Protein backbone atom coordinates (compact mmCIF):
# COMPACT_ATOMS: atom_id res chain seq x y z
CA UNK A 1 -22.21 14.96 6.94
CA UNK A 2 -18.47 14.26 6.93
CA UNK A 3 -16.82 14.74 10.33
CA UNK A 4 -14.06 17.38 10.60
CA UNK A 5 -10.61 15.93 9.94
CA UNK A 6 -8.68 15.04 13.08
CA UNK A 7 -5.16 13.82 12.45
CA UNK A 8 -4.75 12.29 15.90
CA UNK A 9 -8.01 10.34 15.76
CA UNK A 10 -7.37 9.11 12.21
CA UNK A 11 -3.80 8.19 13.05
CA UNK A 12 -4.92 6.13 16.06
CA UNK A 13 -7.49 4.38 13.86
CA UNK A 14 -4.84 3.61 11.23
CA UNK A 15 -2.40 2.39 13.87
CA UNK A 16 -5.00 0.08 15.42
CA UNK A 17 -6.01 -1.32 12.03
CA UNK A 18 -2.38 -1.89 11.03
CA UNK A 19 -1.81 -3.80 14.27
CA UNK A 20 -4.83 -5.99 13.51
CA UNK A 21 -3.69 -6.69 9.96
CA UNK A 22 -0.22 -7.89 10.91
CA UNK A 23 -1.28 -11.16 12.65
CA UNK A 24 -4.06 -11.67 10.10
CA UNK A 25 -1.52 -11.53 7.28
CA UNK A 26 0.58 -14.15 9.07
CA UNK A 27 -2.41 -16.45 9.55
CA UNK A 28 -3.30 -16.16 5.85
CA UNK A 29 0.29 -16.76 4.76
CA UNK A 30 0.63 -19.71 7.15
CA UNK A 31 -2.51 -21.32 5.74
CA UNK A 32 -1.18 -20.96 2.19
CA UNK A 33 2.02 -22.68 3.33
CA UNK A 34 -0.04 -25.43 4.94
CA UNK A 35 -2.12 -25.87 1.79
CA UNK A 36 1.04 -26.07 -0.30
CA UNK A 37 2.02 -29.30 1.43
CA UNK A 38 0.96 -32.39 -0.50
CA UNK A 39 -0.90 -33.85 2.45
CA UNK A 40 -2.90 -30.69 3.07
CA UNK A 41 -6.63 -31.27 3.15
CA UNK A 42 -9.19 -28.47 3.16
CA UNK A 43 -12.90 -29.13 2.79
CA UNK A 44 -15.76 -26.77 1.99
CA UNK A 45 -16.20 -25.73 5.63
CA UNK A 46 -12.52 -24.77 5.83
CA UNK A 47 -12.86 -22.83 2.59
CA UNK A 48 -15.75 -20.80 3.98
CA UNK A 49 -13.74 -20.01 7.12
CA UNK A 50 -10.61 -19.02 5.24
CA UNK A 51 -12.58 -17.14 2.59
CA UNK A 52 -13.98 -14.87 5.29
CA UNK A 53 -10.52 -14.33 6.75
CA UNK A 54 -8.85 -13.60 3.39
CA UNK A 55 -11.66 -11.34 2.17
CA UNK A 56 -11.60 -9.47 5.46
CA UNK A 57 -7.85 -8.93 5.27
CA UNK A 58 -7.96 -7.54 1.73
CA UNK A 59 -10.91 -5.28 2.57
CA UNK A 60 -9.29 -3.98 5.77
CA UNK A 61 -6.02 -3.46 3.93
CA UNK A 62 -7.80 -1.26 1.39
CA UNK A 63 -9.45 0.65 4.24
CA UNK A 64 -6.07 1.19 5.88
CA UNK A 65 -4.46 2.65 2.77
CA UNK A 66 -7.47 4.96 2.40
CA UNK A 67 -7.03 6.19 5.98
CA UNK A 68 -3.31 6.67 5.38
CA UNK A 69 -4.08 8.63 2.21
CA UNK A 70 -6.49 10.85 4.14
CA UNK A 71 -3.78 11.48 6.72
CA UNK A 72 -1.24 12.40 4.03
CA UNK A 73 -3.76 14.69 2.35
CA UNK A 74 -4.70 16.20 5.69
CA UNK A 75 -1.09 17.05 6.50
CA UNK A 76 -0.72 18.62 3.07
CA UNK A 77 -3.76 20.83 3.69
CA UNK A 78 -2.40 21.81 7.10
CA UNK A 79 0.92 22.73 5.46
CA UNK A 80 -0.88 24.95 2.97
CA UNK A 81 -2.59 26.73 5.88
CA UNK A 82 0.71 27.29 7.70
CA UNK A 83 2.30 28.57 4.48
CA UNK A 84 -0.61 30.97 3.94
CA UNK A 85 -0.20 32.27 7.49
CA UNK A 86 3.50 32.74 6.85
CA UNK A 87 2.75 34.70 3.68
CA UNK A 88 0.61 37.07 5.72
CA UNK A 89 3.62 37.86 7.91
CA UNK A 90 5.84 38.81 4.99
CA UNK A 91 4.06 42.06 4.42
CA UNK A 92 2.75 44.83 6.63
CA UNK A 93 -0.87 45.28 7.59
CA UNK A 94 -2.65 48.57 6.89
CA UNK A 95 -2.41 49.41 10.58
CA UNK A 96 1.30 48.71 10.67
CA UNK A 97 1.88 50.90 7.61
CA UNK A 98 -0.09 53.69 9.25
CA UNK A 99 2.07 53.44 12.38
CA UNK A 100 5.15 53.47 10.13
CA UNK A 101 4.30 56.96 8.96
CA UNK A 102 4.87 58.07 12.53
CA UNK A 103 7.58 55.66 13.71
CA UNK A 104 9.25 52.88 11.74
CA UNK A 105 10.56 51.35 14.98
CA UNK A 106 7.01 51.07 16.37
CA UNK A 107 5.87 49.66 13.02
CA UNK A 108 8.41 46.83 13.13
CA UNK A 109 7.76 46.17 16.82
CA UNK A 110 4.05 45.79 16.01
CA UNK A 111 4.95 43.44 13.13
CA UNK A 112 7.27 41.37 15.32
CA UNK A 113 4.61 41.07 18.01
CA UNK A 114 2.11 39.85 15.41
CA UNK A 115 4.56 37.20 14.19
CA UNK A 116 5.30 36.02 17.73
CA UNK A 117 1.57 35.78 18.49
CA UNK A 118 1.10 33.20 15.73
CA UNK A 119 3.53 30.33 16.45
CA UNK A 120 4.08 29.21 12.84
CA UNK A 121 7.37 27.52 13.68
CA UNK A 122 5.76 25.49 16.45
CA UNK A 123 3.04 24.45 14.05
CA UNK A 124 5.69 23.41 11.53
CA UNK A 125 7.47 21.40 14.23
CA UNK A 126 4.17 19.67 14.97
CA UNK A 127 3.74 18.91 11.26
CA UNK A 128 7.23 17.41 11.14
CA UNK A 129 6.44 15.26 14.17
CA UNK A 130 3.21 14.08 12.55
CA UNK A 131 5.04 13.45 9.27
CA UNK A 132 7.61 11.34 11.10
CA UNK A 133 4.95 9.24 12.85
CA UNK A 134 2.93 8.78 9.66
CA UNK A 135 5.97 7.87 7.56
CA UNK A 136 6.97 5.27 10.14
CA UNK A 137 3.50 3.71 10.13
CA UNK A 138 3.31 3.62 6.33
CA UNK A 139 6.80 2.11 6.02
CA UNK A 140 6.06 -0.52 8.66
CA UNK A 141 2.90 -1.60 6.85
CA UNK A 142 4.72 -1.56 3.50
CA UNK A 143 7.45 -3.86 4.83
CA UNK A 144 4.84 -6.23 6.29
CA UNK A 145 2.94 -6.33 3.01
CA UNK A 146 6.09 -6.99 0.99
CA UNK A 147 7.31 -9.76 3.28
CA UNK A 148 3.90 -11.46 3.39
CA UNK A 149 3.62 -11.06 -0.39
CA UNK A 150 7.00 -12.69 -0.99
CA UNK A 151 6.24 -15.65 1.27
CA UNK A 152 2.69 -16.19 -0.01
CA UNK A 153 3.64 -15.79 -3.66
CA UNK A 154 6.34 -18.46 -3.42
CA UNK A 155 3.91 -20.96 -1.90
CA UNK A 156 1.22 -19.98 -4.40
CA UNK A 157 3.57 -20.80 -7.25
CA UNK A 158 4.07 -24.28 -5.73
CA UNK A 159 0.31 -24.76 -5.40
CA UNK A 160 -0.35 -23.65 -8.99
CA UNK A 161 2.42 -25.95 -10.27
CA UNK A 162 0.95 -28.87 -8.32
CA UNK A 163 -2.49 -28.22 -9.79
CA UNK A 164 -0.98 -27.94 -13.28
CA UNK A 165 0.59 -31.38 -12.81
CA UNK A 166 -2.73 -32.65 -11.52
CA UNK A 167 -4.50 -31.35 -14.63
CA UNK A 168 -1.91 -33.12 -16.80
CA UNK A 169 -2.55 -36.35 -14.90
CA UNK A 170 -6.28 -35.91 -15.43
CA UNK A 171 -5.73 -35.48 -19.18
CA UNK A 172 -3.56 -38.61 -19.28
CA UNK A 173 -6.18 -40.56 -17.31
CA UNK A 174 -8.94 -39.47 -19.71
CA UNK A 175 -6.86 -40.53 -22.70
CA UNK A 176 -6.22 -43.92 -21.06
CA UNK A 177 -9.93 -44.36 -20.27
CA UNK A 178 -10.84 -43.68 -23.91
CA UNK A 179 -8.17 -46.13 -25.04
CA UNK A 180 -9.34 -48.90 -22.69
CA UNK A 181 -13.02 -48.38 -23.53
CA UNK A 182 -12.19 -48.56 -27.22
CA UNK A 183 -10.31 -51.82 -26.73
CA UNK A 184 -13.12 -53.24 -24.61
CA UNK A 185 -15.68 -52.28 -27.27
CA UNK A 186 -13.58 -53.86 -30.00
CA UNK A 187 -13.17 -57.04 -27.97
CA UNK A 188 -16.92 -57.16 -27.30
CA UNK A 189 -17.62 -56.86 -31.00
CA UNK A 190 -15.42 -59.88 -31.75
CA UNK A 191 -17.23 -62.16 -29.29
CA UNK A 192 -19.47 -64.59 -31.15
CA UNK A 193 -17.89 -63.71 -34.46
CA UNK A 194 -14.40 -65.16 -34.26
CA UNK A 195 -13.12 -68.40 -32.73
CA UNK A 196 -14.92 -70.96 -30.59
CA UNK A 197 -16.61 -70.91 -27.19
CA UNK A 198 -13.35 -71.03 -25.28
CA UNK A 199 -12.01 -68.14 -27.33
CA UNK A 200 -15.19 -66.19 -26.67
CA UNK A 201 -14.85 -66.73 -22.92
CA UNK A 202 -11.24 -65.55 -23.08
CA UNK A 203 -12.23 -62.41 -24.99
CA UNK A 204 -15.07 -61.73 -22.51
CA UNK A 205 -12.63 -61.99 -19.64
CA UNK A 206 -10.29 -59.64 -21.49
CA UNK A 207 -13.18 -57.21 -22.02
CA UNK A 208 -14.09 -57.31 -18.31
CA UNK A 209 -10.47 -56.65 -17.32
CA UNK A 210 -10.25 -53.72 -19.72
CA UNK A 211 -13.55 -52.33 -18.46
CA UNK A 212 -12.54 -52.78 -14.80
CA UNK A 213 -9.26 -50.97 -15.40
CA UNK A 214 -11.11 -48.17 -17.20
CA UNK A 215 -13.57 -47.89 -14.28
CA UNK A 216 -10.71 -47.75 -11.75
CA UNK A 217 -8.96 -45.04 -13.70
CA UNK A 218 -12.28 -43.21 -14.09
CA UNK A 219 -12.82 -43.25 -10.33
CA UNK A 220 -9.29 -41.94 -9.80
CA UNK A 221 -9.87 -39.31 -12.49
CA UNK A 222 -13.02 -38.18 -10.69
CA UNK A 223 -11.08 -37.84 -7.40
CA UNK A 224 -8.33 -35.89 -9.16
CA UNK A 225 -10.92 -33.67 -10.85
CA UNK A 226 -12.61 -32.92 -7.52
CA UNK A 227 -9.21 -32.19 -6.00
CA UNK A 228 -8.36 -29.91 -8.93
CA UNK A 229 -11.61 -27.99 -8.60
CA UNK A 230 -11.09 -27.67 -4.84
CA UNK A 231 -7.56 -26.40 -5.40
CA UNK A 232 -8.81 -23.97 -8.05
CA UNK A 233 -11.18 -22.37 -5.54
CA UNK A 234 -8.39 -21.92 -3.01
CA UNK A 235 -5.97 -20.69 -5.67
CA UNK A 236 -8.43 -17.91 -6.53
CA UNK A 237 -8.55 -17.00 -2.85
CA UNK A 238 -4.77 -17.02 -2.53
CA UNK A 239 -4.33 -14.94 -5.70
CA UNK A 240 -6.71 -12.33 -4.30
CA UNK A 241 -4.60 -12.20 -1.12
CA UNK A 242 -1.29 -11.89 -3.01
CA UNK A 243 -2.70 -9.26 -5.37
CA UNK A 244 -4.10 -7.34 -2.40
CA UNK A 245 -0.70 -7.32 -0.69
CA UNK A 246 0.94 -6.16 -3.90
CA UNK A 247 -1.56 -3.30 -4.22
CA UNK A 248 -1.05 -2.28 -0.59
CA UNK A 249 2.74 -2.21 -1.02
CA UNK A 250 2.41 -0.16 -4.21
CA UNK A 251 0.07 2.34 -2.58
CA UNK A 252 2.42 2.64 0.39
CA UNK A 253 5.25 3.44 -2.02
CA UNK A 254 3.21 6.33 -3.44
CA UNK A 255 2.27 7.52 0.06
CA UNK A 256 5.86 7.41 1.31
CA UNK A 257 7.07 9.36 -1.72
CA UNK A 258 4.51 12.10 -1.16
CA UNK A 259 5.19 12.30 2.59
CA UNK A 260 8.92 12.72 1.96
CA UNK A 261 8.46 15.40 -0.69
CA UNK A 262 5.85 17.20 1.40
CA UNK A 263 8.31 17.08 4.31
CA UNK A 264 10.89 18.85 2.15
CA UNK A 265 8.29 21.54 1.49
CA UNK A 266 7.63 21.94 5.22
CA UNK A 267 11.33 22.32 5.85
CA UNK A 268 11.55 25.00 3.17
CA UNK A 269 8.72 26.86 4.87
CA UNK A 270 10.63 26.53 8.13
CA UNK A 271 13.76 27.98 6.51
CA UNK A 272 11.67 30.91 5.28
CA UNK A 273 10.28 31.47 8.76
CA UNK A 274 13.58 31.35 10.67
CA UNK A 275 14.88 34.14 8.45
CA UNK A 276 13.06 36.40 10.90
CA UNK A 277 15.06 37.86 13.78
CA UNK A 278 12.54 36.72 16.36
CA UNK A 279 13.64 35.05 19.63
CA UNK A 280 12.28 31.53 19.96
CA UNK A 281 11.61 31.17 16.26
CA UNK A 282 13.92 28.15 15.97
CA UNK A 283 13.38 24.50 16.92
CA UNK A 284 15.86 21.66 16.86
CA UNK A 285 15.53 19.53 13.73
CA UNK A 286 17.70 16.43 13.26
CA UNK A 287 17.58 12.88 11.96
CA UNK A 288 17.81 11.64 15.56
CA UNK A 289 14.54 13.39 16.41
CA UNK A 290 12.82 12.47 13.13
CA UNK A 291 14.35 9.12 12.04
CA UNK A 292 11.44 8.08 9.79
CA UNK A 293 11.83 11.17 7.59
CA UNK A 294 15.61 11.09 7.76
CA UNK A 295 16.05 11.66 4.01
CA UNK A 296 14.57 15.19 3.88
CA UNK A 297 16.01 16.04 7.31
CA UNK A 298 19.49 15.08 6.12
CA UNK A 299 19.15 17.43 3.14
CA UNK A 300 18.01 20.16 5.53
CA UNK A 301 20.98 19.62 7.83
CA UNK A 302 23.37 19.95 4.88
CA UNK A 303 21.59 23.03 3.44
CA UNK A 304 20.76 21.11 0.26
CA UNK A 305 17.04 21.92 0.00
CA UNK A 306 16.30 23.88 -3.17
CA UNK A 307 12.72 25.15 -3.79
CA UNK A 308 13.08 25.22 -7.58
CA UNK A 309 14.33 21.62 -7.68
CA UNK A 310 11.47 20.45 -5.49
CA UNK A 311 8.62 21.94 -7.51
CA UNK A 312 8.55 19.41 -10.34
CA UNK A 313 8.97 16.43 -8.00
CA UNK A 314 6.13 17.64 -5.82
CA UNK A 315 3.81 18.08 -8.78
CA UNK A 316 4.65 14.57 -9.98
CA UNK A 317 4.11 13.11 -6.51
CA UNK A 318 0.80 14.96 -6.15
CA UNK A 319 -0.36 13.78 -9.59
CA UNK A 320 0.50 10.16 -8.73
CA UNK A 321 -1.22 10.49 -5.35
CA UNK A 322 -4.38 11.93 -6.90
CA UNK A 323 -4.40 9.18 -9.52
CA UNK A 324 -4.19 6.44 -6.89
CA UNK A 325 -6.43 8.17 -4.32
CA UNK A 326 -8.88 10.34 -6.29
CA UNK A 327 -11.17 10.65 -3.27
CA UNK A 328 -8.49 12.62 -1.45
CA UNK A 329 -7.38 14.90 -4.28
CA UNK A 330 -7.40 18.31 -2.62
CA UNK A 331 -7.96 21.71 -4.16
CA UNK A 332 -4.78 23.18 -2.72
CA UNK A 333 -2.36 22.25 -5.48
CA UNK A 334 0.46 24.62 -6.26
CA UNK A 335 -0.39 26.96 -9.11
CA UNK A 336 1.40 26.01 -12.33
CA UNK A 337 4.70 27.91 -12.53
CA UNK A 338 4.41 29.37 -9.05
CA UNK A 339 7.27 28.71 -6.59
CA UNK A 340 6.51 26.63 -3.50
CA UNK A 341 8.21 29.17 -1.27
CA UNK A 342 8.69 32.64 -2.74
CA UNK A 343 11.66 34.00 -0.84
CA UNK A 344 11.51 37.21 -2.85
CA UNK A 345 8.46 38.25 -0.85
CA UNK A 346 10.37 38.26 2.43
CA UNK A 347 11.07 41.77 3.60
CA UNK A 348 14.73 42.76 3.67
CA UNK A 349 14.13 43.57 7.31
CA UNK A 350 13.43 39.84 7.85
CA UNK A 351 16.41 38.39 5.98
CA UNK A 352 18.80 37.95 8.93
CA UNK A 353 19.67 34.23 8.75
CA UNK A 354 19.87 32.50 12.13
CA UNK A 355 21.53 29.10 12.61
CA UNK A 356 18.87 26.37 12.49
CA UNK A 357 20.68 23.57 14.32
């Protein structure tokens, strides 16, 4: 049975894994740089050691992005819950309407007390704090992956070019071996047919020289072929590492985009909530407090958040997220055509705008 989602526990697990991956990425990248040097030597035992390290890094990197995706999805679900609770405050309960038949003042006091009893704004502030921490972690891992990818890819190109030159040298050596063997065979066929004994001895010596040169080149070709095959094994390992880093950076891009757009949605919910004339319904929101989600916060500070403009971007971000992380595709998507925050449902009694700085 799947354990209940706990943001704090999952975040700590993601943070610990990200801290483990950072030095592992450096060790992998450093080994690629070492291998790229012409005098680098790596035998089968070293390959087995590095193969375990590289495979482990790629596997753990995939696990990390999955945990990050679960955290992003979890925050989205929590936002939906807060929004649903907010919707319940926009109308009056049956009991409140009944009281209103006797006293409208008592009705609104009962409504205000109900709103104060459910600290939606505090929950939104907690979501913003979690969004800030998660965005910072994702961005930090994305930067690490991109930097390691750039360094490793450059060295990998050098290694692939070196092997390509080695393959060309092997082809040249094989052509030379065939040429020398052909000459030696031709010379052998002439012995005893043309010239005298002295001429035959000279041709035999020529044949032995040709054969010896062909054997030397053949031995060198064998060494180059072994070296090429060895390099090919490591190149496959390095390509897996580089591709894994590229995937991790790409997934982080999708995660960051969704976190930022979801943060805009949370801020819109906050704006809807602080329209209520309730003491203590405001919290301080600024880029200084939430530097890792500064983009949405800056829009909020300048009153530039527009629900209608956000809807399409959120649907696109959700679709991209679900495509990349199908295991975490939730069932709380916004209904097609429905606004994210329907301000028209807010009672006119609750439309007194308070400053939110």
